[in-house]
Amino acid sequence: MKISTVVVGLGKIGMMYDFKKKNHYNNHCQALETHKNFNLIAAVDKDKHKKKKFQKNFKLPFFTDLNKAFKETKPNLIIISTPTIQNDKLFDYIKKNNITPKIFLIEKPGSYNYDNFKKFIIFCKKKKIRLALNYQRSFCDSLSIFNKFLRSGEKIKIYVYYKKSFYNSCSHYINFFFEIIKSKTYKIIDVSFYKKINKDFISNCKL
């Protein structure tokens, strides 16, 4: 049985990355459309200009209101790919309207406010909704190769360099290394993260 899915937010990761490319999908809508285990059934966005592009490509219902979309389509999975800064208001709206799919998948980092995000996590637990953050790089082939390298058993120091924001870029690697540290499989003695600014690097944080 396919997982019926609604995508909320048709920005870059929601729909616009590689929008015109074939056989190369870096956005939710096209990935869902081509995956044998998922069934894209609708999309939600406040921007009505996205409606024409979405319906031309996918010929599916488009909504500007998530509550209406949920009531009419009853999805198993809702993917939230709206800008992070908008998510707290969206979480409040979901709780207020008791929008309860089986699963929420949210683009990292979920929220910039820990307390607000914690309240949403509590809501999901009470409603028995599975909640996941989209740290997809933890499943990339390149990281699997790196994972095998770490199994050498030697004590190592790791330096991570990233270009974009701490929350949306560096957080991928922090998540990956936290999983490694939790597993207690490797002898990592130091992980340092550095943000690139022009030709120089400045230290950002350490694990």
C-alpha atoms as a PDB file:
ATOM      1  CA  MET A   1       0.000   0.000   0.000  1.00  0.00           C
ATOM      2  CA  LYS A   2       1.385   3.388  -1.015  1.00  0.00           C
ATOM      3  CA  ILE A   3       1.838   6.196   1.514  1.00  0.00           C
ATOM      4  CA  SER A   4      -0.479   9.051   0.557  1.00  0.00           C
ATOM      5  CA  THR A   5       1.410  12.332   0.906  1.00  0.00           C
ATOM      6  CA  VAL A   6       0.759  16.064   0.930  1.00  0.00           C
ATOM      7  CA  VAL A   7       3.645  18.515   0.500  1.00  0.00           C
ATOM      8  CA  VAL A   8       3.360  21.830   2.361  1.00  0.00           C
ATOM      9  CA  GLY A   9       5.580  24.537   0.895  1.00  0.00           C
ATOM     10  CA  LEU A  10       6.540  24.539  -2.777  1.00  0.00           C
ATOM     11  CA  GLY A  11       9.837  26.399  -2.537  1.00  0.00           C
ATOM     12  CA  LYS A  12      13.182  24.963  -3.624  1.00  0.00           C
ATOM     13  CA  ILE A  13      13.160  21.690  -1.692  1.00  0.00           C
ATOM     14  CA  GLY A  14       9.381  21.353  -2.000  1.00  0.00           C
ATOM     15  CA  MET A  15       9.228  21.595  -5.789  1.00  0.00           C
ATOM     16  CA  MET A  16      11.621  24.012  -7.473  1.00  0.00           C
ATOM     17  CA  TYR A  17      15.036  22.300  -7.224  1.00  0.00           C
ATOM     18  CA  ASP A  18      15.719  20.648 -10.593  1.00  0.00           C
ATOM     19  CA  PHE A  19      12.167  21.500 -11.621  1.00  0.00           C
ATOM     20  CA  LYS A  20      12.851  21.150 -15.355  1.00  0.00           C
ATOM     21  CA  LYS A  21      15.351  18.301 -15.191  1.00  0.00           C
ATOM     22  CA  LYS A  22      14.474  14.693 -15.982  1.00  0.00           C
ATOM     23  CA  ASN A  23      15.689  11.671 -14.023  1.00  0.00           C
ATOM     24  CA  HIS A  24      17.356  13.877 -11.391  1.00  0.00           C
ATOM     25  CA  TYR A  25      15.139  14.866  -8.505  1.00  0.00           C
ATOM     26  CA  ASN A  26      16.219  17.010  -5.570  1.00  0.00           C
ATOM     27  CA  ASN A  27      12.721  18.117  -4.572  1.00  0.00           C
ATOM     28  CA  HIS A  28       9.949  16.388  -2.651  1.00  0.00           C
ATOM     29  CA  CYS A  29       7.191  16.532  -5.256  1.00  0.00           C
ATOM     30  CA  GLN A  30       9.092  14.884  -8.081  1.00  0.00           C
ATOM     31  CA  ALA A  31      10.722  12.342  -5.758  1.00  0.00           C
ATOM     32  CA  LEU A  32       7.312  11.327  -4.406  1.00  0.00           C
ATOM     33  CA  GLU A  33       5.801  11.205  -7.881  1.00  0.00           C
ATOM     34  CA  THR A  34       8.389   8.693  -9.071  1.00  0.00           C
ATOM     35  CA  HIS A  35       8.777   6.558  -5.916  1.00  0.00           C
ATOM     36  CA  LYS A  36       6.904   3.251  -5.986  1.00  0.00           C
ATOM     37  CA  ASN A  37       6.012   3.396  -2.262  1.00  0.00           C
ATOM     38  CA  PHE A  38       4.555   6.898  -2.170  1.00  0.00           C
ATOM     39  CA  ASN A  39       1.529   8.600  -3.669  1.00  0.00           C
ATOM     40  CA  LEU A  40       1.644  12.381  -3.970  1.00  0.00           C
ATOM     41  CA  ILE A  41      -1.980  13.474  -3.648  1.00  0.00           C
ATOM     42  CA  ALA A  42      -1.862  17.279  -3.158  1.00  0.00           C
ATOM     43  CA  ALA A  43       0.222  20.329  -2.291  1.00  0.00           C
ATOM     44  CA  VAL A  44      -0.255  23.362  -0.063  1.00  0.00           C
ATOM     45  CA  ASP A  45       1.267  26.814  -0.507  1.00  0.00           C
ATOM     46  CA  LYS A  46       0.189  30.380   0.241  1.00  0.00           C
ATOM     47  CA  ASP A  47       1.644  31.513  -3.086  1.00  0.00           C
ATOM     48  CA  LYS A  48      -1.080  31.077  -5.705  1.00  0.00           C
ATOM     49  CA  HIS A  49       1.519  31.528  -8.478  1.00  0.00           C
ATOM     50  CA  LYS A  50       2.867  28.072  -7.569  1.00  0.00           C
ATOM     51  CA  LYS A  51      -0.523  26.551  -8.391  1.00  0.00           C
ATOM     52  CA  LYS A  52      -0.052  26.793 -12.161  1.00  0.00           C
ATOM     53  CA  LYS A  53       3.386  25.125 -12.060  1.00  0.00           C
ATOM     54  CA  PHE A  54       2.279  22.394  -9.677  1.00  0.00           C
ATOM     55  CA  GLN A  55      -0.912  21.485 -11.520  1.00  0.00           C
ATOM     56  CA  LYS A  56       0.778  21.628 -14.927  1.00  0.00           C
ATOM     57  CA  ASN A  57       3.424  19.156 -13.772  1.00  0.00           C
ATOM     58  CA  PHE A  58       1.420  16.881 -11.481  1.00  0.00           C
ATOM     59  CA  LYS A  59      -2.266  17.481 -12.300  1.00  0.00           C
ATOM     60  CA  LEU A  60      -3.213  17.192  -8.620  1.00  0.00           C
ATOM     61  CA  PRO A  61      -5.205  19.306  -6.143  1.00  0.00           C
ATOM     62  CA  PHE A  62      -3.584  22.511  -4.880  1.00  0.00           C
ATOM     63  CA  PHE A  63      -4.596  24.221  -1.632  1.00  0.00           C
ATOM     64  CA  THR A  64      -3.711  27.464   0.108  1.00  0.00           C
ATOM     65  CA  ASP A  65      -5.009  26.147   3.451  1.00  0.00           C
ATOM     66  CA  LEU A  66      -3.508  23.087   5.173  1.00  0.00           C
ATOM     67  CA  ASN A  67      -6.586  22.308   7.263  1.00  0.00           C
ATOM     68  CA  LYS A  68      -8.780  22.156   4.162  1.00  0.00           C
ATOM     69  CA  ALA A  69      -6.193  19.993   2.401  1.00  0.00           C
ATOM     70  CA  PHE A  70      -6.043  17.581   5.336  1.00  0.00           C
ATOM     71  CA  LYS A  71      -9.818  17.248   5.616  1.00  0.00           C
ATOM     72  CA  GLU A  72     -10.308  16.666   1.894  1.00  0.00           C
ATOM     73  CA  THR A  73      -7.376  14.349   1.175  1.00  0.00           C
ATOM     74  CA  LYS A  74      -6.703  12.525   4.512  1.00  0.00           C
ATOM     75  CA  PRO A  75      -2.969  11.936   3.882  1.00  0.00           C
ATOM     76  CA  ASN A  76      -0.849   9.436   5.812  1.00  0.00           C
ATOM     77  CA  LEU A  77       2.198  11.693   5.507  1.00  0.00           C
ATOM     78  CA  ILE A  78       2.558  15.471   5.535  1.00  0.00           C
ATOM     79  CA  ILE A  79       5.908  16.888   4.441  1.00  0.00           C
ATOM     80  CA  ILE A  80       6.606  20.386   5.774  1.00  0.00           C
ATOM     81  CA  SER A  81       9.085  22.181   3.550  1.00  0.00           C
ATOM     82  CA  THR A  82       8.189  25.769   4.394  1.00  0.00           C
ATOM     83  CA  PRO A  83      10.914  28.269   5.415  1.00  0.00           C
ATOM     84  CA  THR A  84      12.049  27.456   8.966  1.00  0.00           C
ATOM     85  CA  ILE A  85      11.171  30.932  10.227  1.00  0.00           C
ATOM     86  CA  GLN A  86       7.488  30.245   9.383  1.00  0.00           C
ATOM     87  CA  ASN A  87       7.265  26.877  11.100  1.00  0.00           C
ATOM     88  CA  ASP A  88       6.326  27.993  14.618  1.00  0.00           C
ATOM     89  CA  LYS A  89       3.134  29.639  13.337  1.00  0.00           C
ATOM     90  CA  LEU A  90       2.437  26.561  11.232  1.00  0.00           C
ATOM     91  CA  PHE A  91       2.901  24.274  14.252  1.00  0.00           C
ATOM     92  CA  ASP A  92       0.411  26.393  16.235  1.00  0.00           C
ATOM     93  CA  TYR A  93      -2.037  26.186  13.331  1.00  0.00           C
ATOM     94  CA  ILE A  94      -1.653  22.395  13.145  1.00  0.00           C
ATOM     95  CA  LYS A  95      -2.286  22.009  16.883  1.00  0.00           C
ATOM     96  CA  LYS A  96      -5.246  24.412  16.854  1.00  0.00           C
ATOM     97  CA  ASN A  97      -6.936  22.555  13.987  1.00  0.00           C
ATOM     98  CA  ASN A  98      -5.954  19.096  15.222  1.00  0.00           C
ATOM     99  CA  ILE A  99      -4.276  18.132  11.957  1.00  0.00           C
ATOM    100  CA  THR A 100      -3.187  14.551  12.637  1.00  0.00           C
ATOM    101  CA  PRO A 101      -1.603  12.504   9.849  1.00  0.00           C
ATOM    102  CA  LYS A 102       0.281   9.336  10.737  1.00  0.00           C
ATOM    103  CA  ILE A 103       3.620  10.985   9.977  1.00  0.00           C
ATOM    104  CA  PHE A 104       5.146  14.477   9.747  1.00  0.00           C
ATOM    105  CA  LEU A 105       8.424  14.897   7.880  1.00  0.00           C
ATOM    106  CA  ILE A 106       9.924  18.344   8.480  1.00  0.00           C
ATOM    107  CA  GLU A 107      12.853  20.016   6.795  1.00  0.00           C
ATOM    108  CA  LYS A 108      15.750  20.538   9.159  1.00  0.00           C
ATOM    109  CA  PRO A 109      16.257  22.172  11.593  1.00  0.00           C
ATOM    110  CA  GLY A 110      12.482  22.197  12.209  1.00  0.00           C
ATOM    111  CA  SER A 111      12.431  25.421  14.194  1.00  0.00           C
ATOM    112  CA  TYR A 112      14.754  28.152  15.424  1.00  0.00           C
ATOM    113  CA  ASN A 113      12.966  28.092  18.785  1.00  0.00           C
ATOM    114  CA  TYR A 114      13.637  25.068  21.007  1.00  0.00           C
ATOM    115  CA  ASP A 115      10.645  25.611  23.324  1.00  0.00           C
ATOM    116  CA  ASN A 116       8.155  25.969  20.473  1.00  0.00           C
ATOM    117  CA  PHE A 117       9.480  22.898  18.710  1.00  0.00           C
ATOM    118  CA  LYS A 118       9.378  20.907  21.949  1.00  0.00           C
ATOM    119  CA  LYS A 119       5.667  21.766  22.306  1.00  0.00           C
ATOM    120  CA  PHE A 120       5.065  20.450  18.799  1.00  0.00           C
ATOM    121  CA  ILE A 121       6.963  17.253  19.616  1.00  0.00           C
ATOM    122  CA  ILE A 122       4.762  16.789  22.700  1.00  0.00           C
ATOM    123  CA  PHE A 123       1.657  17.323  20.537  1.00  0.00           C
ATOM    124  CA  CYS A 124       2.838  14.627  18.110  1.00  0.00           C
ATOM    125  CA  LYS A 125       3.538  12.203  20.959  1.00  0.00           C
ATOM    126  CA  LYS A 126       0.066  12.724  22.436  1.00  0.00           C
ATOM    127  CA  LYS A 127      -1.572  12.190  19.057  1.00  0.00           C
ATOM    128  CA  LYS A 128       0.706   9.200  18.302  1.00  0.00           C
ATOM    129  CA  ILE A 129       2.069  10.903  15.198  1.00  0.00           C
ATOM    130  CA  ARG A 130       5.514   9.864  14.002  1.00  0.00           C
ATOM    131  CA  LEU A 131       7.792  12.881  13.552  1.00  0.00           C
ATOM    132  CA  ALA A 132      11.030  12.999  11.555  1.00  0.00           C
ATOM    133  CA  LEU A 133      13.533  15.666  10.509  1.00  0.00           C
ATOM    134  CA  ASN A 134      14.912  15.433   7.000  1.00  0.00           C
ATOM    135  CA  TYR A 135      18.633  14.886   7.623  1.00  0.00           C
ATOM    136  CA  GLN A 136      18.982  12.990   4.365  1.00  0.00           C
ATOM    137  CA  ARG A 137      22.769  13.239   4.214  1.00  0.00           C
ATOM    138  CA  SER A 138      22.971  10.594   6.929  1.00  0.00           C
ATOM    139  CA  PHE A 139      21.862   8.125   4.242  1.00  0.00           C
ATOM    140  CA  CYS A 140      24.110   9.269   1.382  1.00  0.00           C
ATOM    141  CA  ASP A 141      26.508   6.763  -0.188  1.00  0.00           C
ATOM    142  CA  SER A 142      29.461   9.073   0.452  1.00  0.00           C
ATOM    143  CA  LEU A 143      28.766   9.065   4.186  1.00  0.00           C
ATOM    144  CA  SER A 144      28.390   5.286   4.146  1.00  0.00           C
ATOM    145  CA  ILE A 145      31.914   5.090   2.729  1.00  0.00           C
ATOM    146  CA  PHE A 146      33.114   7.501   5.408  1.00  0.00           C
ATOM    147  CA  ASN A 147      31.372   5.363   8.007  1.00  0.00           C
ATOM    148  CA  LYS A 148      33.355   2.301   6.894  1.00  0.00           C
ATOM    149  CA  PHE A 149      36.581   4.302   7.103  1.00  0.00           C
ATOM    150  CA  LEU A 150      35.837   5.178  10.729  1.00  0.00           C
ATOM    151  CA  ARG A 151      35.637   1.494  11.630  1.00  0.00           C
ATOM    152  CA  SER A 152      39.431   1.281  11.412  1.00  0.00           C
ATOM    153  CA  GLY A 153      39.475   1.670  15.196  1.00  0.00           C
ATOM    154  CA  GLU A 154      42.128   4.397  15.256  1.00  0.00           C
ATOM    155  CA  LYS A 155      41.633   7.483  17.380  1.00  0.00           C
ATOM    156  CA  ILE A 156      41.031  10.352  14.999  1.00  0.00           C
ATOM    157  CA  LYS A 157      40.306  14.076  14.898  1.00  0.00           C
ATOM    158  CA  ILE A 158      37.710  15.326  12.416  1.00  0.00           C
ATOM    159  CA  TYR A 159      37.419  18.808  10.885  1.00  0.00           C
ATOM    160  CA  VAL A 160      34.199  19.778   9.083  1.00  0.00           C
ATOM    161  CA  TYR A 161      34.080  22.838   6.812  1.00  0.00           C
ATOM    162  CA  TYR A 162      30.739  24.233   5.654  1.00  0.00           C
ATOM    163  CA  LYS A 163      29.688  27.292   3.628  1.00  0.00           C
ATOM    164  CA  LYS A 164      26.010  27.965   4.322  1.00  0.00           C
ATOM    165  CA  SER A 165      24.151  28.581   7.587  1.00  0.00           C
ATOM    166  CA  PHE A 166      24.801  26.747  10.831  1.00  0.00           C
ATOM    167  CA  TYR A 167      21.170  25.601  11.192  1.00  0.00           C
ATOM    168  CA  ASN A 168      20.561  24.490   7.610  1.00  0.00           C
ATOM    169  CA  SER A 169      23.981  23.253   6.538  1.00  0.00           C
ATOM    170  CA  CYS A 170      26.253  22.472   9.473  1.00  0.00           C
ATOM    171  CA  SER A 171      23.403  20.776  11.353  1.00  0.00           C
ATOM    172  CA  HIS A 172      23.511  17.897   8.829  1.00  0.00           C
ATOM    173  CA  TYR A 173      27.007  16.986   9.960  1.00  0.00           C
ATOM    174  CA  ILE A 174      26.325  17.538  13.660  1.00  0.00           C
ATOM    175  CA  ASN A 175      23.396  15.128  13.355  1.00  0.00           C
ATOM    176  CA  PHE A 176      25.601  12.576  11.609  1.00  0.00           C
ATOM    177  CA  PHE A 177      28.324  12.722  14.262  1.00  0.00           C
ATOM    178  CA  PHE A 178      25.853  12.610  17.131  1.00  0.00           C
ATOM    179  CA  GLU A 179      24.573   9.324  15.705  1.00  0.00           C
ATOM    180  CA  ILE A 180      28.133   8.032  15.612  1.00  0.00           C
ATOM    181  CA  ILE A 181      28.867   9.172  19.153  1.00  0.00           C
ATOM    182  CA  LYS A 182      25.645   7.592  20.445  1.00  0.00           C
ATOM    183  CA  SER A 183      26.564   4.259  18.892  1.00  0.00           C
ATOM    184  CA  LYS A 184      29.899   4.247  20.810  1.00  0.00           C
ATOM    185  CA  THR A 185      31.408   2.344  17.888  1.00  0.00           C
ATOM    186  CA  TYR A 186      34.259   4.698  17.023  1.00  0.00           C
ATOM    187  CA  LYS A 187      37.152   6.283  18.873  1.00  0.00           C
ATOM    188  CA  ILE A 188      36.628   9.893  17.817  1.00  0.00           C
ATOM    189  CA  ILE A 189      38.447  12.244  20.168  1.00  0.00           C
ATOM    190  CA  ASP A 190      37.581  15.597  18.589  1.00  0.00           C
ATOM    191  CA  VAL A 191      35.118  16.967  16.010  1.00  0.00           C
ATOM    192  CA  SER A 192      35.488  20.639  15.055  1.00  0.00           C
ATOM    193  CA  PHE A 193      33.221  22.639  12.750  1.00  0.00           C
ATOM    194  CA  TYR A 194      34.363  25.663  10.758  1.00  0.00           C
ATOM    195  CA  LYS A 195      32.353  28.114   8.673  1.00  0.00           C
ATOM    196  CA  LYS A 196      33.998  29.463   5.528  1.00  0.00           C
ATOM    197  CA  ILE A 197      34.031  33.259   5.233  1.00  0.00           C
ATOM    198  CA  ASN A 198      35.766  34.470   2.074  1.00  0.00           C
ATOM    199  CA  LYS A 199      39.226  32.873   2.095  1.00  0.00           C
ATOM    200  CA  ASP A 200      39.392  32.399   5.850  1.00  0.00           C
ATOM    201  CA  PHE A 201      37.777  29.924   8.205  1.00  0.00           C
ATOM    202  CA  ILE A 202      36.451  30.753  11.639  1.00  0.00           C
ATOM    203  CA  SER A 203      35.753  28.154  14.303  1.00  0.00           C
ATOM    204  CA  ASN A 204      32.064  27.660  14.924  1.00  0.00           C
ATOM    205  CA  CYS A 205      31.692  24.858  17.423  1.00  0.00           C
ATOM    206  CA  LYS A 206      33.074  21.604  18.775  1.00  0.00           C
ATOM    207  CA  LEU A 207      31.498  18.330  19.821  1.00  0.00           C
END
